[in-house]
N, C-alpha and C. Protein backbone atom coordinates (compact mmCIF):
# COMPACT_ATOMS: atom_id res chain seq x y z
N MET A 1 108.85 39.98 114.74
CA MET A 1 108.38 41.34 114.80
C MET A 1 108.28 41.88 113.37
N PRO A 2 107.07 42.34 112.95
CA PRO A 2 106.90 42.83 111.59
C PRO A 2 107.55 44.19 111.41
N ARG A 3 108.11 44.39 110.22
CA ARG A 3 108.72 45.68 109.91
C ARG A 3 108.05 46.27 108.67
N GLY A 4 107.70 47.56 108.74
CA GLY A 4 107.13 48.26 107.60
C GLY A 4 105.71 47.85 107.28
N ARG A 5 105.24 48.34 106.18
CA ARG A 5 103.87 48.05 105.76
C ARG A 5 103.80 46.71 105.06
N LYS A 6 102.64 46.13 105.05
CA LYS A 6 102.44 44.88 104.33
C LYS A 6 102.32 45.20 102.85
N PRO A 7 102.79 44.35 101.98
CA PRO A 7 102.71 44.60 100.56
C PRO A 7 101.26 44.60 100.08
N ASN A 8 100.99 45.45 99.07
CA ASN A 8 99.65 45.51 98.49
C ASN A 8 99.38 44.29 97.60
N GLY A 9 100.36 43.84 96.93
CA GLY A 9 100.20 42.72 96.02
C GLY A 9 100.62 41.40 96.67
N GLU A 10 101.00 40.46 95.78
CA GLU A 10 101.40 39.15 96.28
C GLU A 10 102.79 39.17 96.88
N HIS A 11 103.62 40.06 96.40
CA HIS A 11 104.99 40.13 96.91
C HIS A 11 105.39 41.59 97.15
N ALA A 12 106.41 41.80 97.92
CA ALA A 12 106.90 43.14 98.21
C ALA A 12 107.57 43.72 96.97
N LEU A 13 107.47 45.06 96.83
CA LEU A 13 108.10 45.72 95.70
C LEU A 13 109.60 45.79 95.89
N SER A 14 110.30 45.72 94.77
CA SER A 14 111.74 45.90 94.84
C SER A 14 112.02 47.39 94.94
N ASN A 15 113.26 47.73 95.21
CA ASN A 15 113.61 49.15 95.30
C ASN A 15 113.35 49.87 93.99
N ALA A 16 113.66 49.23 92.86
CA ALA A 16 113.44 49.85 91.55
C ALA A 16 111.95 50.07 91.30
N GLU A 17 111.12 49.08 91.67
CA GLU A 17 109.67 49.23 91.48
C GLU A 17 109.11 50.33 92.39
N ARG A 18 109.59 50.38 93.61
CA ARG A 18 109.14 51.40 94.54
C ARG A 18 109.52 52.80 94.03
N GLN A 19 110.75 52.93 93.51
CA GLN A 19 111.20 54.21 92.97
C GLN A 19 110.37 54.60 91.75
N ALA A 20 110.07 53.65 90.88
CA ALA A 20 109.27 53.93 89.69
C ALA A 20 107.86 54.39 90.10
N ARG A 21 107.28 53.72 91.11
CA ARG A 21 105.96 54.11 91.58
C ARG A 21 105.99 55.53 92.16
N HIS A 22 107.04 55.86 92.91
CA HIS A 22 107.17 57.19 93.50
C HIS A 22 107.28 58.25 92.41
N ARG A 23 108.11 57.99 91.41
CA ARG A 23 108.26 58.96 90.31
C ARG A 23 106.96 59.13 89.54
N ALA A 24 106.22 58.08 89.36
CA ALA A 24 104.95 58.16 88.64
C ALA A 24 103.95 59.01 89.42
N ARG A 25 103.96 58.89 90.74
CA ARG A 25 103.04 59.71 91.54
C ARG A 25 103.41 61.18 91.49
N ARG A 26 104.68 61.47 91.39
CA ARG A 26 105.14 62.86 91.41
C ARG A 26 105.02 63.55 90.07
N VAL A 27 104.83 62.80 89.02
CA VAL A 27 104.73 63.42 87.69
C VAL A 27 103.39 64.14 87.61
N THR A 28 103.47 65.40 87.34
CA THR A 28 102.27 66.20 87.14
C THR A 28 102.43 66.92 85.81
N PRO A 29 101.33 67.19 85.14
CA PRO A 29 101.47 67.91 83.88
C PRO A 29 102.05 69.31 84.14
N PRO A 30 102.90 69.77 83.27
CA PRO A 30 103.50 71.10 83.49
C PRO A 30 102.42 72.17 83.49
N ALA A 31 102.55 73.09 84.40
CA ALA A 31 101.59 74.19 84.51
C ALA A 31 101.72 75.11 83.31
N ALA A 32 100.60 75.59 82.86
CA ALA A 32 100.61 76.51 81.73
C ALA A 32 101.33 77.80 82.14
N VAL A 33 102.16 78.29 81.26
CA VAL A 33 102.90 79.51 81.54
C VAL A 33 101.99 80.70 81.29
N ILE A 34 101.84 81.52 82.30
CA ILE A 34 101.02 82.72 82.19
C ILE A 34 101.96 83.92 82.21
N ALA A 35 102.02 84.59 81.09
CA ALA A 35 102.86 85.77 80.99
C ALA A 35 102.05 86.98 81.40
N ARG A 36 102.44 87.60 82.50
CA ARG A 36 101.73 88.79 82.97
C ARG A 36 102.64 89.99 82.84
N THR A 37 102.11 90.99 82.23
CA THR A 37 102.87 92.22 82.10
C THR A 37 102.34 93.20 83.13
N ARG A 38 103.22 93.99 83.67
CA ARG A 38 102.81 94.98 84.66
C ARG A 38 102.28 96.20 83.93
N ARG A 39 101.08 96.55 84.27
CA ARG A 39 100.49 97.76 83.73
C ARG A 39 100.69 98.90 84.69
N SER A 40 100.95 100.02 84.13
CA SER A 40 101.05 101.20 84.96
C SER A 40 99.65 101.55 85.46
N ALA A 41 99.55 101.75 86.75
CA ALA A 41 98.24 102.07 87.31
C ALA A 41 97.79 103.45 86.85
N GLU A 42 98.72 104.31 86.59
CA GLU A 42 98.40 105.68 86.20
C GLU A 42 99.00 105.94 84.84
N ARG A 43 98.17 106.15 83.84
CA ARG A 43 98.66 106.35 82.48
C ARG A 43 98.74 107.84 82.09
N ARG A 44 98.19 108.70 82.95
CA ARG A 44 98.24 110.12 82.64
C ARG A 44 99.61 110.69 83.00
N SER A 45 100.03 111.69 82.29
CA SER A 45 101.30 112.35 82.59
C SER A 45 101.13 113.18 83.86
N ARG A 46 102.25 113.56 84.45
CA ARG A 46 102.20 114.38 85.66
C ARG A 46 101.50 115.72 85.42
N PRO A 47 101.82 116.42 84.32
CA PRO A 47 101.10 117.69 84.09
C PRO A 47 99.59 117.48 83.95
N GLN A 48 99.20 116.39 83.30
CA GLN A 48 97.76 116.13 83.16
C GLN A 48 97.14 115.79 84.51
N ARG A 49 97.84 115.03 85.33
CA ARG A 49 97.34 114.72 86.67
C ARG A 49 97.23 116.00 87.51
N TRP A 50 98.20 116.93 87.35
CA TRP A 50 98.15 118.21 88.07
C TRP A 50 96.90 118.99 87.66
N ARG A 51 96.69 119.12 86.34
CA ARG A 51 95.53 119.86 85.86
C ARG A 51 94.23 119.23 86.35
N ASP A 52 94.16 117.91 86.32
CA ASP A 52 92.95 117.22 86.79
C ASP A 52 92.73 117.46 88.28
N ALA A 53 93.82 117.46 89.06
CA ALA A 53 93.69 117.69 90.50
C ALA A 53 93.23 119.11 90.79
N VAL A 54 93.76 120.08 90.04
CA VAL A 54 93.36 121.48 90.24
C VAL A 54 91.89 121.66 89.87
N VAL A 55 91.46 121.05 88.78
CA VAL A 55 90.05 121.13 88.38
C VAL A 55 89.17 120.52 89.47
N GLU A 56 89.60 119.39 90.02
CA GLU A 56 88.83 118.74 91.09
C GLU A 56 88.76 119.64 92.34
N LEU A 57 89.89 120.26 92.70
CA LEU A 57 89.89 121.16 93.86
C LEU A 57 88.96 122.35 93.64
N LEU A 58 88.99 122.93 92.46
CA LEU A 58 88.12 124.07 92.18
C LEU A 58 86.64 123.66 92.21
N ALA A 59 86.34 122.47 91.71
CA ALA A 59 84.96 121.98 91.75
C ALA A 59 84.51 121.74 93.19
N LEU A 60 85.39 121.17 94.00
CA LEU A 60 85.06 120.94 95.41
C LEU A 60 84.87 122.27 96.15
N GLN A 61 85.73 123.23 95.86
CA GLN A 61 85.60 124.53 96.51
C GLN A 61 84.25 125.16 96.15
N ALA A 62 83.84 125.03 94.90
CA ALA A 62 82.54 125.58 94.49
C ALA A 62 81.40 124.86 95.21
N GLU A 63 81.52 123.54 95.37
CA GLU A 63 80.48 122.79 96.10
C GLU A 63 80.41 123.23 97.56
N TYR A 64 81.57 123.41 98.19
CA TYR A 64 81.58 123.85 99.59
C TYR A 64 81.03 125.27 99.72
N ALA A 65 81.32 126.13 98.77
CA ALA A 65 80.78 127.49 98.80
C ALA A 65 79.26 127.46 98.66
N ALA A 66 78.76 126.58 97.79
CA ALA A 66 77.30 126.45 97.64
C ALA A 66 76.68 125.90 98.92
N TRP A 67 77.36 124.98 99.56
CA TRP A 67 76.88 124.42 100.83
C TRP A 67 76.81 125.52 101.90
N LEU A 68 77.85 126.37 101.90
CA LEU A 68 77.89 127.46 102.88
C LEU A 68 76.74 128.44 102.66
N GLU A 69 76.39 128.71 101.42
CA GLU A 69 75.30 129.64 101.11
C GLU A 69 73.95 129.13 101.59
N VAL A 70 73.73 127.82 101.53
CA VAL A 70 72.42 127.29 101.93
C VAL A 70 72.40 126.80 103.37
N LEU A 71 73.47 127.06 104.10
CA LEU A 71 73.54 126.63 105.49
C LEU A 71 72.51 127.41 106.31
N PRO A 72 71.74 126.73 107.15
CA PRO A 72 70.73 127.43 107.95
C PRO A 72 71.38 128.43 108.91
N ASP A 73 70.62 129.43 109.29
CA ASP A 73 71.13 130.46 110.20
C ASP A 73 71.53 129.89 111.55
N SER A 74 70.88 128.83 111.96
CA SER A 74 71.21 128.24 113.26
C SER A 74 72.61 127.61 113.28
N LEU A 75 73.15 127.33 112.10
CA LEU A 75 74.48 126.70 112.02
C LEU A 75 75.56 127.67 111.58
N ARG A 76 75.24 128.95 111.46
CA ARG A 76 76.22 129.92 110.98
C ARG A 76 77.42 130.09 111.91
N ASP A 77 77.24 129.84 113.18
CA ASP A 77 78.33 130.00 114.15
C ASP A 77 78.95 128.66 114.54
N SER A 78 78.71 127.62 113.78
CA SER A 78 79.20 126.28 114.14
C SER A 78 80.58 126.03 113.53
N ALA A 79 81.18 124.93 113.94
CA ALA A 79 82.49 124.54 113.40
C ALA A 79 82.38 124.19 111.92
N THR A 80 81.23 123.67 111.53
CA THR A 80 81.02 123.35 110.11
C THR A 80 81.07 124.62 109.26
N ALA A 81 80.41 125.66 109.72
CA ALA A 81 80.41 126.91 108.98
C ALA A 81 81.80 127.51 108.90
N GLU A 82 82.57 127.41 109.99
CA GLU A 82 83.94 127.93 109.98
C GLU A 82 84.80 127.17 108.97
N ALA A 83 84.64 125.85 108.94
CA ALA A 83 85.42 125.04 107.99
C ALA A 83 85.02 125.36 106.55
N LEU A 84 83.74 125.51 106.31
CA LEU A 84 83.27 125.85 104.97
C LEU A 84 83.78 127.22 104.54
N GLU A 85 83.77 128.19 105.45
CA GLU A 85 84.30 129.51 105.13
C GLU A 85 85.78 129.46 104.82
N ALA A 86 86.52 128.69 105.60
CA ALA A 86 87.96 128.57 105.36
C ALA A 86 88.24 127.98 103.98
N ILE A 87 87.45 127.00 103.59
CA ILE A 87 87.65 126.39 102.27
C ILE A 87 87.23 127.37 101.17
N ALA A 88 86.12 128.03 101.37
CA ALA A 88 85.64 128.96 100.34
C ALA A 88 86.57 130.16 100.19
N ASP A 89 87.26 130.55 101.26
CA ASP A 89 88.15 131.72 101.21
C ASP A 89 89.54 131.40 100.65
N LEU A 90 89.86 130.14 100.44
CA LEU A 90 91.17 129.80 99.89
C LEU A 90 91.30 130.36 98.48
N ASP A 91 92.48 130.90 98.17
CA ASP A 91 92.74 131.44 96.84
C ASP A 91 93.42 130.35 96.01
N LEU A 92 92.66 129.69 95.18
CA LEU A 92 93.20 128.61 94.36
C LEU A 92 93.55 129.06 92.95
N THR A 93 93.48 130.36 92.69
CA THR A 93 93.81 130.85 91.34
C THR A 93 95.28 130.64 91.02
N ALA A 94 96.14 130.73 92.04
CA ALA A 94 97.57 130.51 91.79
C ALA A 94 97.83 129.07 91.33
N LEU A 95 97.08 128.14 91.90
CA LEU A 95 97.22 126.75 91.47
C LEU A 95 96.74 126.59 90.03
N ASP A 96 95.65 127.27 89.72
CA ASP A 96 95.08 127.16 88.38
C ASP A 96 96.01 127.75 87.33
N GLU A 97 96.73 128.82 87.70
CA GLU A 97 97.61 129.49 86.74
C GLU A 97 98.97 128.81 86.61
N THR A 98 99.32 127.95 87.55
CA THR A 98 100.63 127.31 87.54
C THR A 98 100.65 126.16 86.54
N GLU A 99 101.66 126.17 85.69
CA GLU A 99 101.86 125.09 84.74
C GLU A 99 103.09 124.30 85.20
N PRO A 100 102.94 123.04 85.56
CA PRO A 100 104.08 122.27 86.05
C PRO A 100 105.10 122.02 84.94
N PRO A 101 106.35 121.79 85.33
CA PRO A 101 107.37 121.52 84.29
C PRO A 101 107.12 120.18 83.63
N ARG A 102 107.51 120.09 82.38
CA ARG A 102 107.33 118.85 81.65
C ARG A 102 108.45 117.87 81.95
N GLY A 103 109.61 118.39 82.34
CA GLY A 103 110.70 117.52 82.75
C GLY A 103 111.62 117.09 81.64
N TYR A 104 112.80 116.62 82.02
CA TYR A 104 113.80 116.08 81.11
C TYR A 104 114.15 117.03 79.97
N GLY A 105 114.25 118.33 80.28
CA GLY A 105 114.68 119.29 79.28
C GLY A 105 113.62 119.69 78.28
N ARG A 106 112.37 119.29 78.48
CA ARG A 106 111.32 119.60 77.50
C ARG A 106 110.55 120.85 77.90
N ASP A 107 111.10 121.62 78.82
CA ASP A 107 110.39 122.80 79.32
C ASP A 107 110.14 123.79 78.26
């Protein structure tokens, strides 16, 4: 009854030869080391982000108010008109006047 695989060569490999062949197959060139640094996704300070957000809100409110002005008369009583009026009527001046704290005792 045959046991195991038939030898590839003229004779069967010894244990040392088999181990050497296994180690040679497993040797791979070392992978290049890639150093990745984590970048902050947001580089602006919190106060700057606040000011940018307030400017964006004010610009959007102006766009919605302009949309409301050119809305056709047939849509004046619609849900769209109500939403546009609600946005246009918001008082965002308090947000514009608010200066957020700088933090860590730098107020």
